[in-house]
N, C-alpha and C. Protein backbone atom coordinates (compact mmCIF):
# COMPACT_ATOMS: atom_id res chain seq x y z
N UNK A 1 83.98 151.85 82.29
CA UNK A 1 83.64 150.55 82.23
C UNK A 1 83.46 149.81 80.81
N UNK A 2 83.95 148.83 80.54
CA UNK A 2 84.02 148.18 79.17
C UNK A 2 82.50 147.60 78.79
N UNK A 3 82.06 147.89 77.63
CA UNK A 3 80.70 147.54 77.32
C UNK A 3 80.65 146.10 77.25
N UNK A 4 79.41 145.68 77.64
CA UNK A 4 79.18 144.18 77.61
C UNK A 4 79.07 143.56 76.28
N UNK A 5 79.42 142.28 76.15
CA UNK A 5 79.31 141.81 74.73
C UNK A 5 77.85 141.34 74.37
N UNK A 6 77.13 141.88 73.46
CA UNK A 6 75.70 141.62 73.22
C UNK A 6 75.71 140.35 72.48
N UNK A 7 74.80 139.29 72.96
CA UNK A 7 74.72 137.98 72.44
C UNK A 7 73.32 137.81 72.19
N UNK A 8 73.10 137.22 70.85
CA UNK A 8 71.82 136.75 70.39
C UNK A 8 71.77 135.24 70.15
N UNK A 9 70.71 134.70 70.26
CA UNK A 9 70.67 133.08 69.96
C UNK A 9 69.48 132.79 68.83
N UNK A 10 69.79 131.84 67.94
CA UNK A 10 68.81 131.53 67.06
C UNK A 10 68.71 129.89 67.11
N UNK A 11 67.66 129.36 67.67
CA UNK A 11 67.67 127.83 67.82
C UNK A 11 66.04 127.66 67.92
N UNK A 12 65.75 126.41 67.38
CA UNK A 12 64.27 126.03 67.45
C UNK A 12 63.92 125.34 68.71
N UNK A 13 64.71 124.99 69.51
CA UNK A 13 64.43 124.26 70.75
C UNK A 13 64.44 125.25 71.94
N UNK A 14 62.95 125.38 72.46
CA UNK A 14 62.85 126.40 73.42
C UNK A 14 63.52 126.12 74.73
N UNK A 15 63.78 124.86 75.12
CA UNK A 15 64.31 124.53 76.47
C UNK A 15 65.85 124.91 76.25
N UNK A 16 66.49 124.64 75.01
CA UNK A 16 67.78 125.00 74.92
C UNK A 16 67.94 126.51 74.84
N UNK A 17 67.05 127.24 74.28
CA UNK A 17 67.24 128.76 74.35
C UNK A 17 67.17 129.25 75.83
N UNK A 18 66.30 128.72 76.55
CA UNK A 18 66.15 129.08 77.93
C UNK A 18 67.45 129.00 78.71
N UNK A 19 68.09 127.62 78.45
CA UNK A 19 69.30 127.40 79.04
C UNK A 19 70.43 128.25 78.75
N UNK A 20 70.51 128.59 77.53
CA UNK A 20 71.67 129.43 76.96
C UNK A 20 71.40 130.80 77.53
N UNK A 21 70.23 131.22 77.46
CA UNK A 21 69.80 132.68 78.07
C UNK A 21 70.20 132.86 79.52
N UNK A 22 69.87 131.81 80.22
CA UNK A 22 70.27 131.87 81.70
C UNK A 22 71.80 131.93 81.77
N UNK A 23 72.40 131.06 80.98
CA UNK A 23 73.92 131.06 81.08
C UNK A 23 74.61 132.31 80.77
N UNK A 24 74.20 132.70 79.66
CA UNK A 24 74.79 134.14 79.12
C UNK A 24 74.53 135.07 80.19
N UNK A 25 73.37 135.33 80.66
CA UNK A 25 72.89 136.27 81.53
C UNK A 25 73.55 136.40 82.88
N UNK A 26 74.12 135.19 83.22
CA UNK A 26 74.87 135.00 84.51
C UNK A 26 76.26 135.64 84.42
N UNK A 27 76.62 135.99 83.26
CA UNK A 27 78.03 136.67 83.13
C UNK A 27 78.14 138.21 83.15
N UNK A 28 78.90 138.65 84.09
CA UNK A 28 78.95 140.20 84.06
C UNK A 28 79.29 141.00 82.84
N UNK A 29 80.05 140.17 81.93
CA UNK A 29 80.64 141.02 80.77
C UNK A 29 79.72 140.57 79.56
N UNK A 30 78.67 139.83 79.76
CA UNK A 30 77.76 139.38 78.53
C UNK A 30 76.31 139.82 78.79
N UNK A 31 75.81 140.23 77.76
CA UNK A 31 74.28 140.77 77.82
C UNK A 31 73.45 139.87 76.65
N UNK A 32 72.43 139.25 77.22
CA UNK A 32 71.55 138.40 76.29
C UNK A 32 70.59 139.41 75.72
N UNK A 33 70.57 139.57 74.40
CA UNK A 33 69.76 140.65 73.84
C UNK A 33 68.69 140.17 73.05
N UNK A 34 68.62 138.90 72.56
CA UNK A 34 67.34 138.44 71.87
C UNK A 34 67.63 137.00 71.30
N UNK A 35 66.39 136.35 71.03
CA UNK A 35 66.33 135.02 70.71
C UNK A 35 65.32 134.78 69.60
N UNK A 36 65.58 133.78 68.74
CA UNK A 36 64.65 133.44 67.69
C UNK A 36 64.48 131.95 67.56
N UNK A 37 63.42 131.46 66.93
CA UNK A 37 63.22 130.13 66.76
C UNK A 37 63.36 129.47 65.33
N UNK A 38 63.75 130.31 64.42
CA UNK A 38 64.14 129.99 63.08
C UNK A 38 64.97 130.92 62.46
N UNK A 39 65.45 130.61 61.29
CA UNK A 39 66.42 131.36 60.50
C UNK A 39 65.65 132.83 60.03
N UNK A 40 64.44 132.88 59.74
CA UNK A 40 63.88 134.01 59.35
C UNK A 40 63.69 134.98 60.42
N UNK A 41 63.15 134.46 61.69
CA UNK A 41 63.14 135.24 62.89
C UNK A 41 64.58 135.68 63.33
N UNK A 42 65.41 134.97 62.99
CA UNK A 42 66.79 135.28 63.30
C UNK A 42 67.32 136.57 62.62
N UNK A 43 67.10 136.61 61.38
CA UNK A 43 67.19 137.81 60.53
C UNK A 43 66.76 139.04 61.25
N UNK A 44 65.37 138.86 61.60
CA UNK A 44 64.72 139.93 62.24
C UNK A 44 65.26 140.40 63.51
N UNK A 45 65.64 139.29 64.33
CA UNK A 45 66.20 139.78 65.76
C UNK A 45 67.47 140.37 65.63
N UNK A 46 68.44 139.96 64.57
CA UNK A 46 69.69 140.61 64.34
C UNK A 46 69.55 141.93 63.93
N UNK A 47 68.59 142.27 63.06
CA UNK A 47 68.49 143.66 62.63
C UNK A 47 67.89 144.52 63.83
N UNK A 48 67.06 143.97 64.67
CA UNK A 48 66.42 144.77 65.72
C UNK A 48 67.35 145.07 66.86
N UNK A 49 68.16 143.97 67.23
CA UNK A 49 68.98 144.11 68.51
C UNK A 49 70.43 144.29 68.35
N UNK A 50 71.04 144.14 67.06
CA UNK A 50 72.32 144.38 66.71
C UNK A 50 73.24 143.53 67.67
N UNK A 51 73.20 142.25 67.69
CA UNK A 51 74.04 141.58 68.66
C UNK A 51 75.57 141.59 68.19
N UNK A 52 76.50 141.48 69.06
CA UNK A 52 78.00 141.39 68.75
C UNK A 52 78.24 139.81 68.28
N UNK A 53 77.64 138.98 68.89
CA UNK A 53 77.95 137.48 68.68
C UNK A 53 76.42 136.92 68.64
N UNK A 54 76.30 136.06 67.61
CA UNK A 54 75.18 135.23 67.56
C UNK A 54 75.46 133.77 67.47
N UNK A 55 74.83 133.09 68.38
CA UNK A 55 74.90 131.60 68.45
C UNK A 55 73.80 131.09 67.50
N UNK A 56 74.10 130.36 66.50
CA UNK A 56 73.10 130.00 65.41
C UNK A 56 73.03 128.57 65.24
N UNK A 57 71.91 127.89 65.49
CA UNK A 57 71.62 126.52 65.12
C UNK A 57 71.61 126.40 63.75
N UNK A 58 72.20 125.22 63.28
CA UNK A 58 72.25 124.90 61.81
C UNK A 58 70.89 124.42 61.15
N UNK A 59 70.21 123.35 61.98
CA UNK A 59 69.19 122.74 61.42
C UNK A 59 67.86 123.21 61.98
N UNK A 60 66.98 124.10 61.26
CA UNK A 60 65.91 124.56 61.90
C UNK A 60 64.70 124.72 60.88
N UNK A 61 63.52 124.82 61.29
CA UNK A 61 62.41 124.95 60.23
C UNK A 61 62.36 126.30 59.67
N UNK A 62 61.62 126.45 58.60
CA UNK A 62 61.36 127.73 57.79
C UNK A 62 62.77 128.13 57.06
N UNK A 63 63.86 128.37 57.71
CA UNK A 63 65.02 128.72 57.25
C UNK A 63 66.20 128.27 58.19
N UNK A 64 67.22 127.55 57.45
CA UNK A 64 68.27 126.93 58.19
C UNK A 64 69.28 127.99 58.70
N UNK A 65 70.18 127.55 59.41
CA UNK A 65 71.21 128.58 59.97
C UNK A 65 72.31 128.98 58.92
N UNK A 66 72.36 128.10 57.80
CA UNK A 66 73.42 128.53 56.85
C UNK A 66 72.79 129.70 56.04
N UNK A 67 71.56 129.69 55.59
CA UNK A 67 70.94 130.71 54.86
C UNK A 67 70.80 132.00 55.78
N UNK A 68 70.40 131.74 57.04
CA UNK A 68 70.29 132.89 57.98
C UNK A 68 71.59 133.61 58.21
N UNK A 69 72.71 132.93 58.30
CA UNK A 69 74.02 133.41 58.51
C UNK A 69 74.38 134.41 57.56
N UNK A 70 74.19 133.91 56.14
CA UNK A 70 74.40 134.64 55.01
C UNK A 70 73.51 135.93 54.84
N UNK A 71 72.31 135.85 55.07
CA UNK A 71 71.40 136.98 55.16
C UNK A 71 71.78 138.10 56.16
N UNK A 72 72.14 137.67 57.36
CA UNK A 72 72.42 138.55 58.57
C UNK A 72 73.80 139.25 58.11
N UNK A 73 74.70 138.71 57.64
CA UNK A 73 75.94 139.26 57.29
C UNK A 73 75.88 140.16 56.04
N UNK A 74 75.01 139.74 55.17
CA UNK A 74 74.60 140.55 54.02
C UNK A 74 74.03 141.95 54.35
N UNK A 75 73.12 141.77 55.31
CA UNK A 75 72.34 142.94 55.76
C UNK A 75 73.19 143.93 56.51
N UNK A 76 74.13 143.37 57.29
CA UNK A 76 75.13 144.21 58.10
C UNK A 76 75.95 144.86 56.94
N UNK A 77 76.40 144.16 55.92
CA UNK A 77 77.33 144.90 55.01
C UNK A 77 76.55 145.98 54.13
N UNK A 78 75.20 145.68 54.00
CA UNK A 78 74.37 146.64 53.21
C UNK A 78 74.18 147.90 54.11
N UNK A 79 73.98 147.84 55.23
CA UNK A 79 73.88 149.06 56.12
C UNK A 79 75.12 149.69 56.68
N UNK A 80 76.35 148.95 56.37
CA UNK A 80 77.71 149.53 56.59
C UNK A 80 78.03 149.56 57.98
N UNK A 81 77.31 148.64 58.83
CA UNK A 81 77.59 148.31 60.16
C UNK A 81 78.67 147.36 60.37
N UNK A 82 79.04 146.98 61.47
CA UNK A 82 79.78 146.07 61.92
C UNK A 82 79.15 144.74 61.90
N UNK A 83 79.58 143.69 61.15
CA UNK A 83 78.76 142.48 61.18
C UNK A 83 78.91 141.79 62.35
N UNK A 84 77.92 141.06 62.96
CA UNK A 84 78.08 140.23 64.08
C UNK A 84 78.95 139.05 63.81
N UNK A 85 79.68 138.43 64.73
CA UNK A 85 80.34 137.26 64.87
C UNK A 85 79.37 136.03 65.05
N UNK A 86 79.35 135.17 64.10
CA UNK A 86 78.35 134.11 64.28
C UNK A 86 78.96 132.79 64.58
N UNK A 87 78.70 132.03 65.57
CA UNK A 87 79.03 130.78 65.94
C UNK A 87 77.92 129.73 65.49
N UNK A 88 78.13 128.83 64.67
CA UNK A 88 77.08 128.05 64.32
C UNK A 88 77.15 126.65 65.26
N UNK A 89 76.12 126.18 65.74
CA UNK A 89 75.98 125.02 66.66
C UNK A 89 75.50 123.83 65.96
N UNK A 90 76.06 122.79 66.19
CA UNK A 90 75.65 121.50 65.48
C UNK A 90 75.77 120.32 66.48
N UNK A 91 74.89 119.35 66.19
CA UNK A 91 74.88 118.17 67.04
C UNK A 91 75.75 117.14 66.69
N UNK A 92 76.56 117.20 65.43
CA UNK A 92 77.36 116.27 64.70
C UNK A 92 78.66 116.88 64.87
N UNK A 93 79.55 115.78 65.13
CA UNK A 93 81.06 116.17 65.49
C UNK A 93 81.79 116.73 64.12
N UNK A 94 81.45 116.12 63.02
CA UNK A 94 81.90 116.64 61.88
C UNK A 94 80.66 116.77 60.76
N UNK A 95 80.36 118.10 60.73
CA UNK A 95 79.09 118.42 60.01
C UNK A 95 79.39 119.32 58.65
N UNK A 96 78.97 118.60 57.64
CA UNK A 96 79.19 119.21 56.16
C UNK A 96 78.38 120.54 56.21
N UNK A 97 77.25 120.70 56.85
CA UNK A 97 76.53 121.93 57.03
C UNK A 97 77.37 123.05 57.77
N UNK A 98 78.03 122.56 58.64
CA UNK A 98 78.91 123.54 59.39
C UNK A 98 79.96 124.10 58.46
N UNK A 99 80.57 123.24 57.55
CA UNK A 99 81.57 123.67 56.62
C UNK A 99 80.90 124.66 55.67
N UNK A 100 79.72 124.51 55.24
CA UNK A 100 79.00 125.34 54.34
C UNK A 100 78.82 126.71 55.09
N UNK A 101 78.37 126.59 56.25
CA UNK A 101 78.14 127.80 57.14
C UNK A 101 79.29 128.59 57.15
N UNK A 102 80.53 128.07 57.43
CA UNK A 102 81.67 128.87 57.55
C UNK A 102 82.14 129.31 56.20
N UNK A 103 81.96 128.64 55.02
CA UNK A 103 82.04 129.37 53.70
C UNK A 103 80.99 130.55 53.63
N UNK A 104 79.95 130.49 54.29
CA UNK A 104 78.94 131.54 54.21
C UNK A 104 79.28 132.78 55.12
N UNK A 105 80.33 132.68 56.07
CA UNK A 105 80.72 133.80 56.57
C UNK A 105 80.76 133.63 58.33
N UNK A 106 80.33 132.44 58.74
CA UNK A 106 80.51 132.19 60.02
C UNK A 106 81.86 132.11 60.60
N UNK A 107 82.04 132.66 61.94
CA UNK A 107 83.32 132.54 62.52
C UNK A 107 83.67 131.38 63.07
N UNK A 108 82.97 130.22 63.12
CA UNK A 108 83.31 129.06 63.51
C UNK A 108 82.00 128.26 63.84
N UNK A 109 82.30 126.93 64.61
CA UNK A 109 81.20 126.28 64.97
C UNK A 109 81.67 125.39 66.33
N UNK A 110 80.61 125.05 67.09
CA UNK A 110 80.67 124.26 68.18
C UNK A 110 79.72 123.28 68.19
N UNK A 111 79.97 122.16 68.95
CA UNK A 111 78.88 121.12 69.20
C UNK A 111 77.98 121.70 70.13
N UNK A 112 76.67 121.37 70.30
CA UNK A 112 75.56 121.81 70.99
C UNK A 112 75.82 121.34 72.42
N UNK A 113 76.65 120.12 72.64
CA UNK A 113 76.60 119.60 74.02
C UNK A 113 78.13 120.08 74.62
N UNK A 114 78.80 121.22 73.87
CA UNK A 114 79.96 121.59 74.45
C UNK A 114 79.87 122.11 75.84
N UNK A 115 81.04 122.03 76.74
CA UNK A 115 81.04 122.52 78.10
C UNK A 115 80.47 124.00 78.28
N UNK A 116 79.65 124.22 79.02
CA UNK A 116 79.21 125.71 79.25
C UNK A 116 80.33 126.61 79.33
N UNK A 117 81.37 126.41 80.07
CA UNK A 117 82.35 127.29 80.22
C UNK A 117 83.20 127.44 78.86
N UNK A 118 83.19 126.42 78.07
CA UNK A 118 83.77 126.65 76.87
C UNK A 118 83.02 127.37 75.87
N UNK A 119 81.79 127.25 75.85
CA UNK A 119 80.73 128.12 75.05
C UNK A 119 81.11 129.63 75.51
N UNK A 120 81.02 129.83 76.61
CA UNK A 120 81.31 131.23 77.22
C UNK A 120 82.58 131.88 76.74
N UNK A 121 83.76 130.91 76.90
CA UNK A 121 85.02 131.40 76.36
C UNK A 121 85.05 131.58 74.84
N UNK A 122 84.22 130.83 74.06
CA UNK A 122 84.12 130.97 72.62
C UNK A 122 83.49 132.25 72.25
N UNK A 123 82.30 132.62 72.96
CA UNK A 123 81.88 133.89 72.67
C UNK A 123 82.76 135.05 72.79
N UNK A 124 83.41 134.96 73.95
CA UNK A 124 84.38 136.00 74.16
C UNK A 124 85.61 136.08 73.07
N UNK A 125 86.03 134.90 72.75
CA UNK A 125 87.27 134.78 71.75
C UNK A 125 86.76 135.27 70.29
N UNK A 126 85.49 134.82 70.03
CA UNK A 126 84.93 135.37 68.61
C UNK A 126 84.82 136.84 68.76
N UNK A 127 84.37 137.32 69.73
CA UNK A 127 83.98 138.71 69.76
C UNK A 127 85.43 139.49 69.70
N UNK A 128 86.52 138.97 70.27
CA UNK A 128 87.93 139.57 70.08
C UNK A 128 88.44 139.39 68.71
N UNK A 129 87.75 138.63 67.84
CA UNK A 129 88.25 138.49 66.46
C UNK A 129 89.04 137.27 66.22
N UNK A 130 88.99 136.18 67.05
CA UNK A 130 89.68 134.96 66.65
C UNK A 130 88.47 133.89 66.33
N UNK A 131 88.86 132.92 65.55
CA UNK A 131 87.83 131.85 65.12
C UNK A 131 87.83 130.91 66.27
N UNK A 132 86.76 130.06 66.35
CA UNK A 132 86.63 128.90 67.16
C UNK A 132 85.92 127.84 66.36
N UNK A 133 86.48 126.69 66.42
CA UNK A 133 86.15 125.41 65.85
C UNK A 133 86.15 124.28 66.81
N UNK A 134 85.25 123.42 66.87
CA UNK A 134 85.14 122.33 67.61
C UNK A 134 86.58 121.47 67.40
N UNK A 135 87.35 121.46 68.47
CA UNK A 135 88.74 120.97 68.33
C UNK A 135 88.77 119.56 67.72
N UNK A 136 87.85 118.68 68.07
CA UNK A 136 87.91 117.36 67.57
C UNK A 136 87.66 117.22 66.01
N UNK A 137 87.05 118.21 65.50
CA UNK A 137 86.81 118.33 64.02
C UNK A 137 87.51 119.00 63.12
N UNK A 138 88.65 119.83 63.69
CA UNK A 138 89.18 120.87 63.03
C UNK A 138 89.98 120.11 61.74
N UNK A 139 90.71 119.14 61.90
CA UNK A 139 91.54 118.58 60.90
C UNK A 139 90.70 118.03 59.72
N UNK A 140 89.76 117.17 60.21
CA UNK A 140 88.74 116.55 59.10
C UNK A 140 87.86 117.81 58.39
N UNK A 141 87.49 118.76 59.08
CA UNK A 141 86.82 119.77 58.37
C UNK A 141 87.64 120.29 57.32
N UNK A 142 88.91 120.85 57.59
CA UNK A 142 89.57 121.42 56.46
C UNK A 142 90.21 120.47 55.45
N UNK A 143 90.30 119.20 55.85
CA UNK A 143 90.56 118.19 54.69
C UNK A 143 89.40 118.10 53.81
N UNK A 144 88.17 118.33 54.32
CA UNK A 144 87.02 118.40 53.39
C UNK A 144 87.02 119.53 52.61
N UNK A 145 87.49 120.72 53.08
CA UNK A 145 87.55 122.00 52.21
C UNK A 145 88.67 121.59 51.11
N UNK A 146 89.78 120.98 51.39
CA UNK A 146 90.81 120.69 50.57
C UNK A 146 90.42 119.63 49.33
N UNK A 147 89.64 118.64 49.77
CA UNK A 147 89.22 117.69 48.76
C UNK A 147 88.13 118.28 47.92
N UNK A 148 87.39 119.16 48.30
CA UNK A 148 86.33 119.79 47.68
C UNK A 148 86.65 120.65 46.78
N UNK A 149 87.98 121.15 46.74
CA UNK A 149 88.56 122.32 45.77
C UNK A 149 89.09 121.49 44.49
N UNK A 150 88.90 122.21 43.36
CA UNK A 150 89.31 121.64 42.13
C UNK A 150 90.97 121.60 42.11
N UNK A 151 91.48 120.56 41.65
CA UNK A 151 92.84 120.39 41.59
C UNK A 151 93.71 121.34 40.69
N UNK A 152 92.97 122.06 39.85
CA UNK A 152 93.61 122.99 38.95
C UNK A 152 93.28 124.48 39.43
N UNK A 153 93.14 124.58 40.67
CA UNK A 153 92.92 125.91 41.12
C UNK A 153 93.90 127.01 40.95
N UNK A 154 93.48 128.22 40.39
CA UNK A 154 94.45 129.12 40.03
C UNK A 154 94.50 130.17 41.26
N UNK A 155 95.76 130.58 41.49
CA UNK A 155 95.89 131.53 42.63
C UNK A 155 95.19 132.83 42.52
N UNK A 156 94.36 133.07 43.30
CA UNK A 156 93.74 134.40 43.20
C UNK A 156 94.61 135.64 43.01
N UNK A 157 94.32 136.71 42.16
CA UNK A 157 95.17 137.72 41.90
C UNK A 157 95.43 138.51 43.21
N UNK A 158 94.44 138.60 44.10
CA UNK A 158 94.70 139.30 45.26
C UNK A 158 95.81 138.81 46.22
N UNK A 159 96.08 137.45 46.05
CA UNK A 159 97.18 136.78 46.77
C UNK A 159 98.60 137.36 46.41
N UNK A 160 98.54 137.69 45.17
CA UNK A 160 99.86 138.17 44.76
C UNK A 160 100.14 139.60 45.26
N UNK A 161 99.13 140.34 45.88
CA UNK A 161 99.47 141.74 46.49
C UNK A 161 100.03 141.59 47.81
N UNK A 162 100.09 140.39 48.31
CA UNK A 162 100.79 140.18 49.68
C UNK A 162 102.36 140.21 49.44
N UNK A 163 103.08 140.82 50.41
CA UNK A 163 104.54 140.75 50.39
C UNK A 163 104.92 139.45 50.69
N UNK A 164 106.20 139.08 50.42
CA UNK A 164 106.77 137.81 50.77
C UNK A 164 106.54 137.55 52.34
N UNK A 165 106.90 138.46 53.33
CA UNK A 165 106.61 138.25 54.79
C UNK A 165 105.10 137.83 55.00
N UNK A 166 104.25 138.62 54.42
CA UNK A 166 102.76 138.44 54.51
C UNK A 166 102.41 136.95 53.98
N UNK A 167 103.00 136.55 52.99
CA UNK A 167 102.68 135.23 52.47
C UNK A 167 103.13 134.11 53.48
N UNK A 168 104.38 134.36 54.02
CA UNK A 168 104.93 133.48 55.12
C UNK A 168 103.97 133.28 56.20
N UNK A 169 103.36 134.51 56.67
CA UNK A 169 102.60 134.52 57.88
C UNK A 169 101.21 133.91 57.42
N UNK A 170 100.62 134.29 56.25
CA UNK A 170 99.43 133.67 55.79
C UNK A 170 99.55 132.12 55.87
N UNK A 171 100.59 131.54 55.38
CA UNK A 171 100.62 129.96 55.34
C UNK A 171 100.79 129.50 56.86
N UNK A 172 101.48 130.22 57.77
CA UNK A 172 101.48 129.72 58.99
C UNK A 172 100.16 129.88 59.75
N UNK A 173 99.52 130.81 59.53
CA UNK A 173 98.06 131.18 60.12
C UNK A 173 97.20 130.03 59.49
N UNK A 174 97.29 129.79 58.23
CA UNK A 174 96.36 128.88 57.64
C UNK A 174 96.64 127.53 58.16
N UNK A 175 97.68 127.22 58.60
CA UNK A 175 98.04 125.94 59.25
C UNK A 175 97.58 125.88 60.73
N UNK A 176 96.96 126.99 61.28
CA UNK A 176 96.46 126.81 62.76
C UNK A 176 97.36 127.30 63.62
N UNK A 177 98.57 128.01 63.44
CA UNK A 177 99.46 128.50 64.41
C UNK A 177 98.74 129.75 65.03
N UNK A 178 98.99 130.04 66.41
CA UNK A 178 98.54 131.15 67.04
C UNK A 178 99.51 132.31 66.63
N UNK A 179 99.14 133.54 67.00
CA UNK A 179 100.16 134.67 66.88
C UNK A 179 101.43 134.41 67.65
N UNK A 180 101.38 133.88 68.84
CA UNK A 180 102.66 133.64 69.59
C UNK A 180 103.42 132.61 68.82
N UNK A 181 102.87 131.57 68.42
CA UNK A 181 103.51 130.50 67.71
C UNK A 181 104.25 131.07 66.25
N UNK A 182 103.45 131.94 65.64
CA UNK A 182 104.06 132.71 64.48
C UNK A 182 105.12 133.44 64.72
N UNK A 183 105.01 134.30 65.75
CA UNK A 183 106.05 135.23 66.22
C UNK A 183 107.38 134.46 66.62
N UNK A 184 107.31 133.37 67.24
CA UNK A 184 108.45 132.48 67.48
C UNK A 184 109.06 131.99 66.18
N UNK A 185 108.20 131.55 65.36
CA UNK A 185 108.92 130.84 64.15
C UNK A 185 109.34 131.92 63.15
N UNK A 186 108.84 133.05 63.26
CA UNK A 186 109.28 134.18 62.32
C UNK A 186 110.23 135.34 62.95
N UNK A 187 110.42 135.02 64.40
CA UNK A 187 111.40 135.91 65.14
C UNK A 187 110.85 137.35 65.08
N UNK A 188 109.41 137.46 65.37
CA UNK A 188 108.82 138.77 65.31
C UNK A 188 108.07 138.85 66.64
N UNK A 189 107.61 140.02 66.98
CA UNK A 189 106.83 140.27 68.13
C UNK A 189 105.42 139.95 67.90
N UNK A 190 104.71 139.58 68.77
CA UNK A 190 103.18 139.21 68.63
C UNK A 190 102.47 140.56 68.10
N UNK A 191 102.86 141.64 68.46
CA UNK A 191 102.18 142.85 67.89
C UNK A 191 102.32 142.93 66.36
N UNK A 192 103.53 142.70 66.05
CA UNK A 192 103.81 142.79 64.53
C UNK A 192 103.17 141.77 63.78
N UNK A 193 103.10 140.57 64.23
CA UNK A 193 102.26 139.42 63.71
C UNK A 193 100.72 139.75 63.52
N UNK A 194 100.27 140.42 64.60
CA UNK A 194 98.81 140.96 64.60
C UNK A 194 98.59 141.88 63.48
N UNK A 195 99.68 142.73 63.39
CA UNK A 195 99.55 143.88 62.29
C UNK A 195 99.58 143.13 60.94
N UNK A 196 100.52 142.19 60.72
CA UNK A 196 100.64 141.52 59.51
C UNK A 196 99.26 140.86 58.99
N UNK A 197 98.70 140.01 60.11
CA UNK A 197 97.53 139.37 59.88
C UNK A 197 96.46 140.36 59.51
N UNK A 198 96.27 141.46 60.18
CA UNK A 198 95.39 142.38 59.72
C UNK A 198 95.44 143.00 58.30
N UNK A 199 96.63 142.99 58.01
CA UNK A 199 96.97 143.57 56.56
C UNK A 199 96.60 142.50 55.58
N UNK A 200 97.05 141.25 55.96
CA UNK A 200 96.56 140.00 55.06
C UNK A 200 94.99 139.95 54.87
N UNK A 201 94.31 140.00 56.03
CA UNK A 201 92.84 139.99 55.89
C UNK A 201 92.30 141.04 54.99
N UNK A 202 92.82 142.33 55.27
CA UNK A 202 92.34 143.45 54.49
C UNK A 202 92.66 143.18 52.99
N UNK A 203 93.80 142.83 52.55
CA UNK A 203 94.19 142.67 51.23
C UNK A 203 93.32 141.66 50.51
N UNK A 204 93.07 140.61 51.35
CA UNK A 204 92.23 139.40 50.75
C UNK A 204 90.65 139.69 50.79
N UNK A 205 90.41 140.58 51.53
CA UNK A 205 88.83 140.90 51.76
C UNK A 205 88.30 139.78 52.60
N UNK A 206 88.96 139.43 53.49
CA UNK A 206 88.59 138.28 54.48
C UNK A 206 88.16 138.75 55.97
N UNK A 207 87.20 138.31 56.58
CA UNK A 207 86.64 138.85 57.84
C UNK A 207 87.53 138.38 58.95
N UNK A 208 87.96 137.20 58.98
CA UNK A 208 88.80 136.73 60.29
C UNK A 208 89.69 135.56 59.71
N UNK A 209 90.25 134.87 60.86
CA UNK A 209 91.21 133.89 60.48
C UNK A 209 90.41 132.44 60.17
N UNK A 210 89.27 132.31 60.37
CA UNK A 210 88.42 131.28 59.80
C UNK A 210 88.32 131.38 58.37
N UNK A 211 87.98 132.50 57.96
CA UNK A 211 87.87 132.84 56.52
C UNK A 211 89.21 132.54 55.84
N UNK A 212 90.38 132.99 56.39
CA UNK A 212 91.75 132.94 55.97
C UNK A 212 92.09 131.46 55.76
N UNK A 213 91.67 130.53 56.64
CA UNK A 213 92.01 129.19 56.53
C UNK A 213 91.13 128.58 55.40
N UNK A 214 89.83 128.95 55.30
CA UNK A 214 88.94 128.49 54.20
C UNK A 214 89.66 128.81 52.86
N UNK A 215 90.01 130.31 52.84
CA UNK A 215 90.57 130.85 51.57
C UNK A 215 91.86 129.95 51.19
N UNK A 216 92.80 129.60 52.27
CA UNK A 216 93.94 128.85 51.84
C UNK A 216 93.67 127.43 51.38
N UNK A 217 92.79 126.66 51.98
CA UNK A 217 92.54 125.42 51.68
C UNK A 217 91.71 125.38 50.30
N UNK A 218 90.68 126.37 49.98
CA UNK A 218 89.96 126.22 48.76
C UNK A 218 90.96 126.54 47.63
N UNK A 219 91.93 127.35 47.94
CA UNK A 219 92.90 127.81 46.82
C UNK A 219 94.28 127.00 46.90
N UNK A 220 94.29 125.97 47.73
CA UNK A 220 95.57 125.15 47.83
C UNK A 220 96.74 126.06 48.12
N UNK A 221 96.66 126.75 49.17
CA UNK A 221 97.87 127.69 49.39
C UNK A 221 98.35 127.33 50.68
N UNK A 222 98.22 126.09 51.18
CA UNK A 222 98.74 125.74 52.64
C UNK A 222 100.18 125.41 52.57
N UNK A 223 100.87 125.06 51.58
CA UNK A 223 102.13 124.46 51.29
C UNK A 223 103.05 125.76 51.17
């Protein structure tokens, strides 16, 4: 039997936490393992329960979701464990704080009023290694990354370690193409594309495709 996906929640609204706990617990492949009411408690909860995926509110008392995300991922790296995938939750369609959270290592963001089925699908998607971003905000979010990057950005040395094929796939992934779409464009199998993406992430020291997109926009490598 496949192990259930362990889910944690950090949010300062008790009613929202109760609703999410009930929603997650209703799914046979998910297990709700812990909750916290602020970022500091979130760090403690993550260390104690080791969730696979954490739903993280951005705006909370004591410590916000941005700092909590950074601390949780840093702690996971320090102990040599597998870091949790973190989905930040926001009430705003395009939230500058969400952009900062993604820079800090979050695997994506969703609106707090997103459809329950979409939220559950996002948990499974992120756990499988793919990023999730509120669809209506994707273009604007990464335009913000682009506009906030200096115009004289120097291409990082590690980018030059990629092969020509890996650079091509990097650019296509940065533009938001799926593995199937990249495979069709490059006349490769999806398995081969997945292997190339894994190698690209490894060479660039990136966690996932969200981090790849951020890296591409910050260094103006999308062309």
